[in-house]
Amino acid sequence: MWRRALVAVGAMALLIAASSSASTRFKTRDGLPIDDIRVQGNREIGTHEVLAALDLGPDDFENAVKTMRGVLPYFSVVDWRVSVEGGSRIATVRVIEGVHGSGPFGTHGHASPTFALNRVSGFDFGVRAEVWKHPNLRTPPRGRLFVGISRALSGGFTSAEGGAWVSAGWFRDHGLRIGGRGYRGIAVFDALAQPEDSEQFVMALLYNGELRDYYLRTGAEASVRWANEHESRVLELALVDEQHDSLSAELDWSLFAPRGTARTNPAATEGDLRSIVVRIRSQSSDSRYAIDAEAEHAPDSGSAYFAFTRARAQTTARWQAGRYGVRARLLVGTTDGEPPIQRRFWIGGPASVRGYDIGEFVGRHVMLANVEVLRGPFVVYVDVGQTADIASDLGDETPPAGVGVGFRLGDGFRINLSQALDNRSPEAHIRWARMF
């Protein structure tokens, strides 16, 4: 009897040991299995909570970390790496919990430098600071004050922003907050289908690359915002009052491109804008699907003011089909009235319809579709897009389209070779961030 009991205990121990060393379901960017997960830096948030939040995400560990950040919005910094120890792949997640240094009256805050580089401001250096108060890490802040200021070295102007939001009592219980801000600074023509600031900085610094056009925006905004617990659903209503002015290109310099290669910056339609804006953002818990939509109505308030109604919606999706990854984007937009040029839709170039010139197609209405198929470091893609000033003209002619292949390192740096489906030559370009 004792011998049988010892055999049973030994078998159970072997099963436990085997299960403890078994691989997790997560995989690296290259599709390799991850055997174990470690969490470092957490104090108030338990390791079991982090692991449980990761388990809500997809098998792709990078996106599982994004899901975890949405479920546990208590970290100011989250990074991760995979190392090999004793033949096992170990994913180490390092976190810094989000309460920064305490100030007077129990407040918390932080300040960080800002920098930008583009052809209208040149190098732009500044600082942004935020102050907030909450009793502990798990209790969301009841409000926040923020201020930022920067100086454009070539453009010779100062940008500034300041504001606050508050969410307390009944508002906090129902996921609502009210806020306002004032601002003066550079804005981007039709920014949705354009690169982000970090990528723009790298392209401008290295080879005078510029995929965006700019105007000066000065004004104020008051808003009411609702979000669910994890901010995967956001609805915002804003009142906007601002003035738009043109900016000219001031900088024609980069490390590896000769002078004279910078594009001119087109003139903006100058005037005043008073509008009501509704913004909607929604994404799935695993970050595979997202919707970003906005509607803006600027009533006729006199000859000095713009008068138009504009709506656009973008849907992005990403999924895995065996060894292949698929990414897709669909963007549609329409406008009624006479929008300023900076509120029209701009497509063409490496950020939208690859193989065509930057901003080659401009109109009051837009349709844009992108599909990419990835396997390892290789990418093939198809882009189709069209703009028109009359909605019924969309689809009347064959829309501009391009195809291409790319080579990527990680999820950011890419070299693309694009061919527009007309008689022009192929175009090679470098991207420093994912397009969508």
Protein backbone atom coordinates (compact mmCIF):
# COMPACT_ATOMS: atom_id res chain seq x y z
CA MET A 1 0.00 0.00 0.00
CA TRP A 2 2.75 2.47 0.96
CA ARG A 3 4.59 1.66 -2.22
CA ARG A 4 1.48 2.49 -4.31
CA ALA A 5 0.95 5.73 -2.36
CA LEU A 6 4.56 6.79 -2.98
CA VAL A 7 4.22 5.99 -6.68
CA ALA A 8 1.04 8.11 -6.87
CA VAL A 9 2.69 11.03 -5.07
CA GLY A 10 5.71 10.80 -7.35
CA ALA A 11 3.52 10.77 -10.46
CA MET A 12 1.61 13.81 -9.21
CA ALA A 13 4.90 15.66 -8.56
CA LEU A 14 6.07 14.86 -12.06
CA LEU A 15 2.81 16.17 -13.51
CA ILE A 16 3.07 19.39 -11.49
CA ALA A 17 6.68 19.88 -12.55
CA ALA A 18 5.77 19.25 -16.17
CA SER A 19 2.87 21.67 -16.06
CA SER A 20 4.98 24.37 -14.38
CA SER A 21 7.59 24.17 -17.12
CA ALA A 22 5.11 24.04 -19.97
CA SER A 23 5.06 26.94 -22.42
CA THR A 24 2.52 29.72 -22.09
CA ARG A 25 0.18 30.41 -25.00
CA PHE A 26 2.00 33.66 -25.82
CA LYS A 27 4.37 34.19 -28.72
CA THR A 28 7.03 36.76 -29.63
CA ARG A 29 6.89 39.09 -32.64
CA ASP A 30 8.62 36.33 -34.62
CA GLY A 31 6.05 33.71 -33.59
CA LEU A 32 8.32 31.91 -31.10
CA PRO A 33 6.68 30.48 -27.95
CA ILE A 34 7.20 32.16 -24.58
CA ASP A 35 7.83 29.71 -21.73
CA ASP A 36 7.42 31.94 -18.68
CA ILE A 37 6.48 35.50 -17.66
CA ARG A 38 8.02 37.61 -14.92
CA VAL A 39 6.77 40.94 -13.60
CA GLN A 40 9.11 43.53 -12.05
CA GLY A 41 8.59 46.92 -10.44
CA ASN A 42 5.02 46.46 -9.21
CA ARG A 43 4.17 47.36 -5.61
CA GLU A 44 0.46 48.06 -5.13
CA ILE A 45 -0.66 46.03 -8.16
CA GLY A 46 -0.19 42.30 -7.60
CA THR A 47 1.72 40.09 -10.01
CA HIS A 48 -1.33 37.83 -10.29
CA GLU A 49 -3.37 40.86 -11.46
CA VAL A 50 -0.84 41.64 -14.19
CA LEU A 51 -0.80 38.02 -15.37
CA ALA A 52 -4.59 37.84 -15.35
CA ALA A 53 -4.81 41.05 -17.41
CA LEU A 54 -2.25 39.69 -19.91
CA ASP A 55 -4.38 36.56 -20.25
CA LEU A 56 -7.25 38.70 -21.55
CA GLY A 57 -5.17 39.63 -24.59
CA PRO A 58 -4.29 37.76 -27.80
CA ASP A 59 -1.47 35.23 -28.24
CA ASP A 60 0.75 37.99 -29.66
CA PHE A 61 2.56 39.11 -26.50
CA GLU A 62 3.07 42.69 -27.70
CA ASN A 63 -0.68 43.20 -28.06
CA ALA A 64 -1.34 41.29 -24.84
CA VAL A 65 0.78 43.93 -23.06
CA LYS A 66 -1.35 46.66 -24.69
CA THR A 67 -4.47 44.90 -23.43
CA MET A 68 -2.97 44.71 -19.94
CA ARG A 69 -2.30 48.45 -19.97
CA GLY A 70 -5.94 49.08 -20.82
CA VAL A 71 -7.20 46.76 -18.09
CA LEU A 72 -4.74 48.11 -15.48
CA PRO A 73 -4.29 51.83 -16.21
CA TYR A 74 -2.06 52.30 -13.18
CA PHE A 75 1.37 52.28 -14.81
CA SER A 76 3.25 55.29 -16.11
CA VAL A 77 5.83 53.06 -17.82
CA VAL A 78 5.51 49.53 -19.19
CA ASP A 79 8.23 47.81 -21.19
CA TRP A 80 9.10 44.21 -21.85
CA ARG A 81 11.82 42.02 -23.27
CA VAL A 82 12.35 38.35 -24.02
CA SER A 83 15.53 36.59 -22.93
CA VAL A 84 16.69 32.98 -23.14
CA GLU A 85 17.63 31.28 -19.88
CA GLY A 86 18.52 27.61 -19.77
CA GLY A 87 16.88 27.03 -23.13
CA SER A 88 13.60 28.71 -22.09
CA ARG A 89 12.25 32.03 -23.39
CA ILE A 90 11.38 34.30 -20.49
CA ALA A 91 9.27 37.45 -21.03
CA THR A 92 10.06 40.06 -18.39
CA VAL A 93 7.49 42.84 -18.00
CA ARG A 94 8.88 45.89 -16.17
CA VAL A 95 6.36 48.41 -14.83
CA ILE A 96 6.50 51.72 -13.01
CA GLU A 97 3.32 52.47 -11.11
CA GLY A 98 1.70 55.73 -12.10
CA VAL A 99 1.82 57.92 -9.01
CA HIS A 100 4.72 60.31 -9.51
CA GLY A 101 6.42 62.33 -6.79
CA SER A 102 4.11 63.95 -4.22
CA GLY A 103 3.83 67.71 -4.01
CA PRO A 104 2.05 70.14 -1.67
CA PHE A 105 -1.53 69.35 -0.57
CA GLY A 106 -1.14 65.72 -1.61
CA THR A 107 -0.79 66.54 -5.30
CA HIS A 108 1.23 64.60 -7.84
CA GLY A 109 2.78 65.73 -11.07
CA HIS A 110 5.52 65.45 -13.59
CA ALA A 111 7.21 67.50 -16.28
CA SER A 112 8.81 66.29 -19.49
CA PRO A 113 10.71 67.93 -22.33
CA THR A 114 9.14 68.22 -25.78
CA PHE A 115 10.82 68.53 -29.14
CA ALA A 116 9.80 68.63 -32.77
CA LEU A 117 11.35 69.23 -36.16
CA ASN A 118 9.56 70.26 -39.34
CA ARG A 119 10.01 72.72 -42.15
CA VAL A 120 7.84 75.51 -40.69
CA SER A 121 9.20 75.60 -37.12
CA GLY A 122 12.65 74.13 -37.55
CA PHE A 123 13.79 72.72 -34.25
CA ASP A 124 11.14 73.29 -31.60
CA PHE A 125 12.04 72.73 -27.94
CA GLY A 126 9.78 73.07 -24.91
CA VAL A 127 8.39 71.53 -21.75
CA ARG A 128 5.02 70.10 -20.70
CA ALA A 129 3.90 69.73 -17.08
CA GLU A 130 0.87 68.12 -15.44
CA VAL A 131 -0.45 68.24 -11.87
CA TRP A 132 -3.21 66.08 -10.40
CA LYS A 133 -4.52 64.70 -7.12
CA HIS A 134 -5.96 61.37 -6.05
CA PRO A 135 -5.92 59.52 -2.74
CA ASN A 136 -4.25 56.32 -3.97
CA LEU A 137 -3.13 54.48 -7.05
CA ARG A 138 -6.42 52.68 -7.69
CA THR A 139 -8.56 55.78 -7.34
CA PRO A 140 -8.59 57.79 -10.59
CA PRO A 141 -7.60 61.46 -10.33
CA ARG A 142 -10.46 63.85 -9.74
CA GLY A 143 -8.93 66.42 -12.02
CA ARG A 144 -5.80 67.46 -13.83
CA LEU A 145 -4.04 70.72 -14.70
CA PHE A 146 -1.65 70.86 -17.63
CA VAL A 147 0.50 73.47 -19.34
CA GLY A 148 3.01 73.36 -22.17
CA ILE A 149 5.24 75.91 -23.88
CA SER A 150 7.80 75.63 -26.66
CA ARG A 151 9.89 77.86 -28.91
CA ALA A 152 10.43 77.37 -32.65
CA LEU A 153 14.04 78.24 -33.43
CA SER A 154 13.60 78.81 -37.18
CA GLY A 155 9.97 79.89 -37.27
CA GLY A 156 10.57 82.39 -34.47
CA PHE A 157 7.22 81.92 -32.69
CA THR A 158 6.17 80.50 -29.35
CA SER A 159 3.57 77.75 -28.98
CA ALA A 160 1.61 77.37 -25.76
CA GLU A 161 -1.21 75.28 -24.34
CA GLY A 162 -2.90 75.22 -20.95
CA GLY A 163 -6.04 73.74 -19.50
CA ALA A 164 -7.72 71.52 -16.97
CA TRP A 165 -10.34 68.83 -16.57
CA VAL A 166 -12.30 67.67 -13.56
CA SER A 167 -14.29 64.52 -12.75
CA ALA A 168 -15.83 64.27 -9.29
CA GLY A 169 -19.02 63.18 -7.58
CA TRP A 170 -21.85 62.29 -9.94
CA PHE A 171 -19.68 62.96 -13.00
CA ARG A 172 -17.00 60.49 -11.86
CA ASP A 173 -19.58 57.84 -10.94
CA HIS A 174 -20.92 57.96 -14.51
CA GLY A 175 -17.56 58.11 -16.33
CA LEU A 176 -17.94 61.80 -17.22
CA ARG A 177 -15.51 64.68 -17.07
CA ILE A 178 -15.60 68.32 -18.14
CA GLY A 179 -12.62 70.31 -19.29
CA GLY A 180 -11.25 73.16 -21.28
CA ARG A 181 -8.03 74.30 -22.86
CA GLY A 182 -6.53 77.24 -24.70
CA TYR A 183 -3.80 76.87 -27.31
CA ARG A 184 -1.61 78.51 -29.90
CA GLY A 185 0.53 76.29 -32.07
CA ILE A 186 1.17 74.37 -35.24
CA ALA A 187 -1.60 72.10 -36.58
CA VAL A 188 -1.53 69.59 -39.43
CA PHE A 189 -3.72 69.62 -42.54
CA ASP A 190 -6.13 66.64 -42.27
CA ALA A 191 -3.95 64.93 -39.67
CA LEU A 192 -5.67 61.51 -39.52
CA ALA A 193 -3.87 59.87 -42.45
CA GLN A 194 -0.49 61.47 -41.67
CA PRO A 195 2.61 60.32 -39.70
CA GLU A 196 2.89 61.03 -36.00
CA ASP A 197 5.31 63.62 -34.57
CA SER A 198 8.04 61.12 -33.62
CA GLU A 199 8.28 59.68 -37.13
CA GLN A 200 8.15 63.14 -38.68
CA PHE A 201 11.09 64.24 -36.51
CA VAL A 202 13.28 61.35 -37.71
CA MET A 203 12.44 61.84 -41.41
CA ALA A 204 13.05 65.60 -41.28
CA LEU A 205 16.33 65.19 -39.42
CA LEU A 206 17.80 62.55 -41.71
CA TYR A 207 16.72 63.44 -45.23
CA ASN A 208 14.37 66.43 -45.22
CA GLY A 209 11.44 64.05 -45.42
CA GLU A 210 8.14 65.84 -44.93
CA LEU A 211 4.79 64.12 -45.36
CA ARG A 212 2.66 66.79 -43.69
CA ASP A 213 1.50 70.38 -44.28
CA TYR A 214 0.92 72.90 -41.52
CA TYR A 215 -1.04 75.94 -40.39
CA LEU A 216 -1.15 78.07 -37.23
CA ARG A 217 -4.11 77.51 -34.92
CA THR A 218 -5.01 79.81 -32.02
CA GLY A 219 -8.12 79.29 -29.91
CA ALA A 220 -9.94 77.53 -27.11
CA GLU A 221 -12.04 74.41 -26.58
CA ALA A 222 -14.53 73.34 -23.91
CA SER A 223 -15.62 69.71 -23.74
CA VAL A 224 -17.66 67.04 -21.98
CA ARG A 225 -16.24 63.53 -22.22
CA TRP A 226 -17.56 60.06 -21.33
CA ALA A 227 -15.44 56.90 -21.17
CA ASN A 228 -15.98 53.40 -19.86
CA GLU A 229 -13.77 51.96 -17.12
CA HIS A 230 -10.90 50.91 -19.38
CA GLU A 231 -11.34 53.78 -21.87
CA SER A 232 -11.96 51.37 -24.73
CA ARG A 233 -15.12 53.40 -25.50
CA VAL A 234 -14.89 57.20 -25.54
CA LEU A 235 -17.48 59.80 -26.54
CA GLU A 236 -16.69 63.53 -26.46
CA LEU A 237 -18.64 66.70 -27.25
CA ALA A 238 -16.59 69.88 -27.73
CA LEU A 239 -17.20 73.56 -28.51
CA VAL A 240 -14.36 75.08 -30.53
CA ASP A 241 -13.48 78.73 -31.20
CA GLU A 242 -10.24 79.32 -33.06
CA GLN A 243 -8.39 81.32 -35.70
CA HIS A 244 -6.40 79.82 -38.57
CA ASP A 245 -3.36 81.44 -40.20
CA SER A 246 -0.85 80.37 -42.84
CA LEU A 247 2.73 79.32 -42.15
CA SER A 248 5.65 79.36 -44.55
CA ALA A 249 8.54 76.92 -44.78
CA GLU A 250 11.52 78.23 -42.81
CA LEU A 251 13.89 75.27 -42.68
CA ASP A 252 15.72 73.64 -45.60
CA TRP A 253 18.31 71.50 -43.84
CA SER A 254 18.87 67.87 -42.89
CA LEU A 255 21.81 65.56 -42.20
CA PHE A 256 21.87 63.67 -45.50
CA ALA A 257 19.84 65.67 -48.04
CA PRO A 258 21.07 68.73 -49.97
CA ARG A 259 19.49 72.14 -49.54
CA GLY A 260 16.60 72.89 -51.85
CA THR A 261 14.87 69.54 -51.30
CA ALA A 262 12.25 70.72 -48.77
CA ARG A 263 8.69 71.03 -50.06
CA THR A 264 6.95 74.38 -49.86
CA ASN A 265 4.19 74.62 -47.26
CA PRO A 266 0.82 75.42 -48.90
CA ALA A 267 -1.12 78.43 -47.70
CA ALA A 268 -4.02 77.77 -45.35
CA THR A 269 -7.45 79.32 -45.79
CA GLU A 270 -7.22 82.07 -43.17
CA GLY A 271 -10.21 82.93 -41.02
CA ASP A 272 -12.13 82.10 -37.86
CA LEU A 273 -13.86 78.89 -36.89
CA ARG A 274 -16.66 78.27 -34.41
CA SER A 275 -17.83 74.69 -34.39
CA ILE A 276 -19.42 71.85 -32.47
CA VAL A 277 -17.42 68.61 -32.61
CA VAL A 278 -18.43 65.06 -31.68
CA ARG A 279 -15.62 62.51 -31.35
CA ILE A 280 -16.05 58.75 -30.94
CA ARG A 281 -13.35 56.18 -30.30
CA SER A 282 -13.85 52.47 -29.72
CA GLN A 283 -11.54 49.47 -29.72
CA SER A 284 -11.84 45.79 -28.88
CA SER A 285 -10.33 44.49 -25.65
CA ASP A 286 -7.55 42.73 -27.56
CA SER A 287 -6.75 45.86 -29.66
CA ARG A 288 -7.44 44.02 -32.91
CA TYR A 289 -10.25 46.31 -34.05
CA ALA A 290 -10.69 50.04 -33.60
CA ILE A 291 -13.04 52.77 -34.80
CA ASP A 292 -12.20 56.47 -34.77
CA ALA A 293 -14.92 58.87 -35.93
CA GLU A 294 -15.53 62.61 -35.81
CA ALA A 295 -18.28 64.98 -36.93
CA GLU A 296 -17.86 68.77 -36.97
CA HIS A 297 -20.49 71.42 -37.67
CA ALA A 298 -19.48 75.05 -38.17
CA PRO A 299 -22.65 77.17 -38.51
CA ASP A 300 -22.74 80.30 -40.62
CA SER A 301 -21.68 82.98 -38.10
CA GLY A 302 -20.81 85.78 -40.51
CA SER A 303 -18.44 86.48 -43.37
CA ALA A 304 -15.32 86.12 -41.20
CA TYR A 305 -16.19 82.55 -40.15
CA PHE A 306 -15.99 79.23 -41.94
CA ALA A 307 -19.32 77.46 -42.51
CA PHE A 308 -19.37 73.71 -43.22
CA THR A 309 -20.29 70.28 -41.89
CA ARG A 310 -17.70 67.52 -42.00
CA ALA A 311 -17.76 63.87 -40.94
CA ARG A 312 -15.24 61.10 -41.24
CA ALA A 313 -14.77 57.59 -39.84
CA GLN A 314 -11.79 55.26 -39.82
CA THR A 315 -11.86 51.55 -39.03
CA THR A 316 -8.69 49.51 -38.53
CA ALA A 317 -8.33 45.76 -38.03
CA ARG A 318 -5.52 43.30 -37.55
CA TRP A 319 -5.66 39.53 -37.29
CA GLN A 320 -3.54 36.43 -37.68
CA ALA A 321 -4.14 33.78 -40.33
CA GLY A 322 -1.69 31.00 -39.60
CA ARG A 323 1.80 32.35 -40.28
CA TYR A 324 0.41 35.43 -41.98
CA GLY A 325 -0.58 38.67 -40.34
CA VAL A 326 -3.21 40.87 -41.96
CA ARG A 327 -3.82 44.58 -41.35
CA ALA A 328 -6.55 46.64 -42.94
CA ARG A 329 -7.86 50.20 -42.81
CA LEU A 330 -10.98 51.82 -44.26
CA LEU A 331 -11.42 55.61 -44.14
CA VAL A 332 -14.46 57.46 -45.46
CA GLY A 333 -15.33 61.13 -45.16
CA THR A 334 -17.77 63.71 -46.47
CA THR A 335 -18.20 67.48 -46.25
CA ASP A 336 -21.05 69.89 -46.93
CA GLY A 337 -20.52 73.62 -47.40
CA GLU A 338 -17.23 75.44 -47.94
CA PRO A 339 -14.54 74.01 -45.66
CA PRO A 340 -11.13 75.68 -45.52
CA ILE A 341 -8.37 73.86 -47.38
CA GLN A 342 -6.95 72.57 -44.08
CA ARG A 343 -10.28 70.85 -43.31
CA ARG A 344 -10.52 69.05 -46.65
CA PHE A 345 -9.31 65.50 -47.15
CA TRP A 346 -5.74 64.98 -48.33
CA ILE A 347 -4.41 61.61 -49.55
CA GLY A 348 -1.47 60.40 -51.60
CA GLY A 349 2.04 59.48 -50.53
CA PRO A 350 3.68 56.98 -48.16
CA ALA A 351 1.04 57.44 -45.43
CA SER A 352 -2.08 56.77 -47.52
CA VAL A 353 -1.91 55.78 -51.22
CA ARG A 354 1.69 54.73 -51.71
CA GLY A 355 3.30 55.30 -55.09
CA TYR A 356 1.65 58.72 -55.58
CA ASP A 357 2.84 62.20 -54.65
CA ILE A 358 2.24 63.55 -51.16
CA GLY A 359 -1.16 65.21 -50.98
CA GLU A 360 -1.78 64.61 -54.68
CA PHE A 361 -5.53 64.19 -54.17
CA VAL A 362 -7.57 66.78 -52.24
CA GLY A 363 -11.34 67.06 -51.98
CA ARG A 364 -14.47 67.45 -49.89
CA HIS A 365 -15.16 63.70 -49.94
CA VAL A 366 -12.78 60.77 -49.53
CA MET A 367 -12.55 56.99 -49.68
CA LEU A 368 -9.35 55.21 -48.68
CA ALA A 369 -8.66 51.48 -48.22
CA ASN A 370 -5.38 49.79 -47.30
CA VAL A 371 -4.61 46.08 -46.88
CA GLU A 372 -1.25 44.65 -45.80
CA VAL A 373 -0.19 41.00 -45.52
CA LEU A 374 2.86 40.24 -43.38
CA ARG A 375 5.01 37.18 -42.95
CA GLY A 376 8.18 37.52 -40.94
CA PRO A 377 10.04 40.63 -42.11
CA PHE A 378 8.24 40.81 -45.47
CA VAL A 379 5.12 42.80 -46.36
CA VAL A 380 2.95 43.07 -49.46
CA TYR A 381 0.22 45.69 -49.67
CA VAL A 382 -2.51 47.25 -51.78
CA ASP A 383 -3.79 50.85 -51.43
CA VAL A 384 -6.88 52.35 -53.07
CA GLY A 385 -8.06 55.92 -52.51
CA GLN A 386 -10.04 58.69 -54.12
CA THR A 387 -11.19 62.23 -53.34
CA ALA A 388 -13.86 64.36 -55.00
CA ASP A 389 -15.55 67.71 -54.52
CA ILE A 390 -18.92 66.18 -55.45
CA ALA A 391 -19.86 63.00 -53.59
CA SER A 392 -21.46 61.37 -56.62
CA ASP A 393 -18.12 61.58 -58.45
CA LEU A 394 -16.58 59.01 -56.11
CA GLY A 395 -16.46 55.76 -58.03
CA ASP A 396 -17.31 57.29 -61.42
CA GLU A 397 -13.72 56.77 -62.52
CA THR A 398 -11.16 54.12 -61.65
CA PRO A 399 -9.71 55.27 -58.32
CA PRO A 400 -5.96 55.73 -57.88
CA ALA A 401 -4.39 52.52 -56.60
CA GLY A 402 -0.94 51.28 -55.73
CA VAL A 403 0.75 48.01 -54.82
CA GLY A 404 4.03 47.34 -53.16
CA VAL A 405 6.38 45.19 -51.15
CA GLY A 406 8.27 46.05 -48.01
CA PHE A 407 10.95 44.81 -45.64
CA ARG A 408 10.52 45.57 -41.94
CA LEU A 409 12.61 45.43 -38.80
CA GLY A 410 10.37 44.95 -35.78
CA ASP A 411 7.06 46.75 -35.96
CA GLY A 412 8.42 50.16 -36.93
CA PHE A 413 11.25 50.62 -39.44
CA ARG A 414 10.28 49.67 -42.99
CA ILE A 415 11.65 50.04 -46.50
CA ASN A 416 8.83 50.06 -49.07
CA LEU A 417 8.88 49.83 -52.84
CA SER A 418 5.56 51.09 -54.24
CA GLN A 419 4.13 51.09 -57.74
CA ALA A 420 1.19 53.30 -58.67
CA LEU A 421 -1.10 51.57 -61.15
CA ASP A 422 -0.49 54.10 -63.91
CA ASN A 423 2.50 55.01 -66.05
CA ARG A 424 4.73 56.57 -63.39
CA SER A 425 7.92 55.02 -62.05
CA PRO A 426 8.15 52.93 -58.87
CA GLU A 427 8.90 54.81 -55.66
CA ALA A 428 11.04 53.70 -52.71
CA HIS A 429 10.54 55.21 -49.28
CA ILE A 430 11.37 54.58 -45.65
CA ARG A 431 8.86 54.53 -42.79
CA TRP A 432 9.80 54.74 -39.12
CA ALA A 433 6.42 53.74 -37.68
CA ARG A 434 3.44 51.57 -38.53
CA MET A 435 1.02 53.27 -40.94
CA PHE A 436 -2.12 52.15 -39.08
